[in-house]
Amino acid sequence: MTLIFIFTPSTIRASLPGVDAVLVCHCRAKSDHEIRRAVRNGAVTLHEVSRACGAASGCGGCAEAVHEIIASELGAFEPRSVDLDLNATH
């Protein structure tokens, strides 16, 4: 079975005022608050967050949402890929 999420924690909060916590990882019943806490305690990658709180350690359907939370806690969205011109002179 494949789960497709068409929401992110930030879009849920924007559309539902008063929502305190958003269940992000259904397999492990982890909310965005628990994921944010893991990042604030030093987890900065998906693997580290998974080890710290269990989020994204089941089916993986929440991995993109967990990435968004990590990025928002770190203060910037990281690009998925970077094109480097190693022949450029500066």
C-alpha atoms as a PDB file:
ATOM      1  CA  MET A   1       0.000   0.000   0.000  1.00  0.00           C
ATOM      2  CA  THR A   2       1.281   3.476  -0.856  1.00  0.00           C
ATOM      3  CA  LEU A   3       0.282   6.512   1.155  1.00  0.00           C
ATOM      4  CA  ILE A   4       0.380   9.862  -0.599  1.00  0.00           C
ATOM      5  CA  PHE A   5       0.267  12.965   1.543  1.00  0.00           C
ATOM      6  CA  ILE A   6      -1.063  16.107  -0.090  1.00  0.00           C
ATOM      7  CA  PHE A   7      -0.495  18.216   2.987  1.00  0.00           C
ATOM      8  CA  THR A   8       2.321  19.395   5.157  1.00  0.00           C
ATOM      9  CA  PRO A   9       2.174  20.380   8.821  1.00  0.00           C
ATOM     10  CA  SER A  10       2.424  24.058   7.896  1.00  0.00           C
ATOM     11  CA  THR A  11      -0.483  23.894   5.423  1.00  0.00           C
ATOM     12  CA  ILE A  12      -2.660  22.106   7.966  1.00  0.00           C
ATOM     13  CA  ARG A  13      -1.968  24.763  10.581  1.00  0.00           C
ATOM     14  CA  ALA A  14      -2.696  27.520   8.061  1.00  0.00           C
ATOM     15  CA  SER A  15      -6.026  25.970   7.085  1.00  0.00           C
ATOM     16  CA  LEU A  16      -7.142  24.905  10.576  1.00  0.00           C
ATOM     17  CA  PRO A  17      -6.654  27.684  13.117  1.00  0.00           C
ATOM     18  CA  GLY A  18      -6.400  26.349  16.634  1.00  0.00           C
ATOM     19  CA  VAL A  19      -4.742  23.066  15.668  1.00  0.00           C
ATOM     20  CA  ASP A  20      -2.037  22.526  18.264  1.00  0.00           C
ATOM     21  CA  ALA A  21      -0.180  19.447  17.042  1.00  0.00           C
ATOM     22  CA  VAL A  22      -0.278  17.621  13.735  1.00  0.00           C
ATOM     23  CA  LEU A  23       0.140  13.856  13.517  1.00  0.00           C
ATOM     24  CA  VAL A  24       2.929  13.469  10.977  1.00  0.00           C
ATOM     25  CA  CYS A  25       4.030   9.848  11.349  1.00  0.00           C
ATOM     26  CA  HIS A  26       1.032   7.558  11.479  1.00  0.00           C
ATOM     27  CA  CYS A  27       3.107   4.374  11.833  1.00  0.00           C
ATOM     28  CA  ARG A  28       4.774   5.570  15.032  1.00  0.00           C
ATOM     29  CA  ALA A  29       2.115   8.107  16.116  1.00  0.00           C
ATOM     30  CA  LYS A  30       4.572  11.021  16.142  1.00  0.00           C
ATOM     31  CA  SER A  31       3.450  14.631  16.019  1.00  0.00           C
ATOM     32  CA  ASP A  32       5.249  17.612  14.579  1.00  0.00           C
ATOM     33  CA  HIS A  33       5.975  18.711  18.164  1.00  0.00           C
ATOM     34  CA  GLU A  34       7.940  15.518  18.850  1.00  0.00           C
ATOM     35  CA  ILE A  35       9.870  15.899  15.604  1.00  0.00           C
ATOM     36  CA  ARG A  36      10.636  19.556  16.359  1.00  0.00           C
ATOM     37  CA  ARG A  37      11.835  18.568  19.835  1.00  0.00           C
ATOM     38  CA  ALA A  38      14.208  15.999  18.315  1.00  0.00           C
ATOM     39  CA  VAL A  39      15.654  18.674  15.994  1.00  0.00           C
ATOM     40  CA  ARG A  40      16.023  21.156  18.848  1.00  0.00           C
ATOM     41  CA  ASN A  41      17.902  18.452  20.736  1.00  0.00           C
ATOM     42  CA  GLY A  42      20.417  18.076  17.921  1.00  0.00           C
ATOM     43  CA  ALA A  43      18.933  15.756  15.270  1.00  0.00           C
ATOM     44  CA  VAL A  44      19.494  17.432  11.897  1.00  0.00           C
ATOM     45  CA  THR A  45      18.952  14.633   9.367  1.00  0.00           C
ATOM     46  CA  LEU A  46      16.053  12.322   8.654  1.00  0.00           C
ATOM     47  CA  HIS A  47      18.065   9.408  10.023  1.00  0.00           C
ATOM     48  CA  GLU A  48      18.891  11.267  13.246  1.00  0.00           C
ATOM     49  CA  VAL A  49      15.272  12.333  13.754  1.00  0.00           C
ATOM     50  CA  SER A  50      14.158   8.768  13.106  1.00  0.00           C
ATOM     51  CA  ARG A  51      16.580   7.448  15.727  1.00  0.00           C
ATOM     52  CA  ALA A  52      15.653  10.178  18.215  1.00  0.00           C
ATOM     53  CA  CYS A  53      11.872   9.913  18.119  1.00  0.00           C
ATOM     54  CA  GLY A  54      10.920   7.138  15.691  1.00  0.00           C
ATOM     55  CA  ALA A  55       9.314   9.340  13.037  1.00  0.00           C
ATOM     56  CA  ALA A  56       9.801   8.091   9.452  1.00  0.00           C
ATOM     57  CA  SER A  57      11.024   4.705  10.662  1.00  0.00           C
ATOM     58  CA  GLY A  58       7.973   2.799   9.444  1.00  0.00           C
ATOM     59  CA  CYS A  59       6.608   3.006   5.905  1.00  0.00           C
ATOM     60  CA  GLY A  60       8.435   6.231   5.034  1.00  0.00           C
ATOM     61  CA  GLY A  61       5.307   8.001   3.815  1.00  0.00           C
ATOM     62  CA  CYS A  62       5.964  10.916   6.144  1.00  0.00           C
ATOM     63  CA  ALA A  63       9.602  11.457   5.155  1.00  0.00           C
ATOM     64  CA  GLU A  64       8.872  14.547   3.053  1.00  0.00           C
ATOM     65  CA  ALA A  65       6.880  16.155   5.881  1.00  0.00           C
ATOM     66  CA  VAL A  66       9.656  15.302   8.352  1.00  0.00           C
ATOM     67  CA  HIS A  67      12.189  16.916   5.983  1.00  0.00           C
ATOM     68  CA  GLU A  68      10.025  20.067   5.921  1.00  0.00           C
ATOM     69  CA  ILE A  69       9.906  20.188   9.708  1.00  0.00           C
ATOM     70  CA  ILE A  70      13.659  19.701  10.004  1.00  0.00           C
ATOM     71  CA  ALA A  71      14.255  22.493   7.488  1.00  0.00           C
ATOM     72  CA  SER A  72      11.852  24.878   9.205  1.00  0.00           C
ATOM     73  CA  GLU A  73      13.472  24.206  12.576  1.00  0.00           C
ATOM     74  CA  LEU A  74      16.920  24.788  11.123  1.00  0.00           C
ATOM     75  CA  GLY A  75      15.693  28.045   9.617  1.00  0.00           C
ATOM     76  CA  ALA A  76      16.152  27.356   5.923  1.00  0.00           C
ATOM     77  CA  PHE A  77      14.968  24.984   3.256  1.00  0.00           C
ATOM     78  CA  GLU A  78      17.873  22.969   1.913  1.00  0.00           C
ATOM     79  CA  PRO A  79      17.962  22.326  -1.838  1.00  0.00           C
ATOM     80  CA  ARG A  80      17.502  18.718  -2.933  1.00  0.00           C
ATOM     81  CA  SER A  81      20.398  18.973  -5.359  1.00  0.00           C
ATOM     82  CA  VAL A  82      23.065  21.483  -6.181  1.00  0.00           C
ATOM     83  CA  ASP A  83      24.640  22.018  -9.570  1.00  0.00           C
ATOM     84  CA  LEU A  84      28.301  22.822  -9.180  1.00  0.00           C
ATOM     85  CA  ASP A  85      30.432  24.085 -12.005  1.00  0.00           C
ATOM     86  CA  LEU A  86      33.833  22.772 -10.985  1.00  0.00           C
ATOM     87  CA  ASN A  87      35.443  24.349 -14.037  1.00  0.00           C
ATOM     88  CA  ALA A  88      34.360  27.886 -13.161  1.00  0.00           C
ATOM     89  CA  THR A  89      37.048  30.358 -12.123  1.00  0.00           C
ATOM     90  CA  HIS A  90      36.355  32.967  -9.502  1.00  0.00           C
END
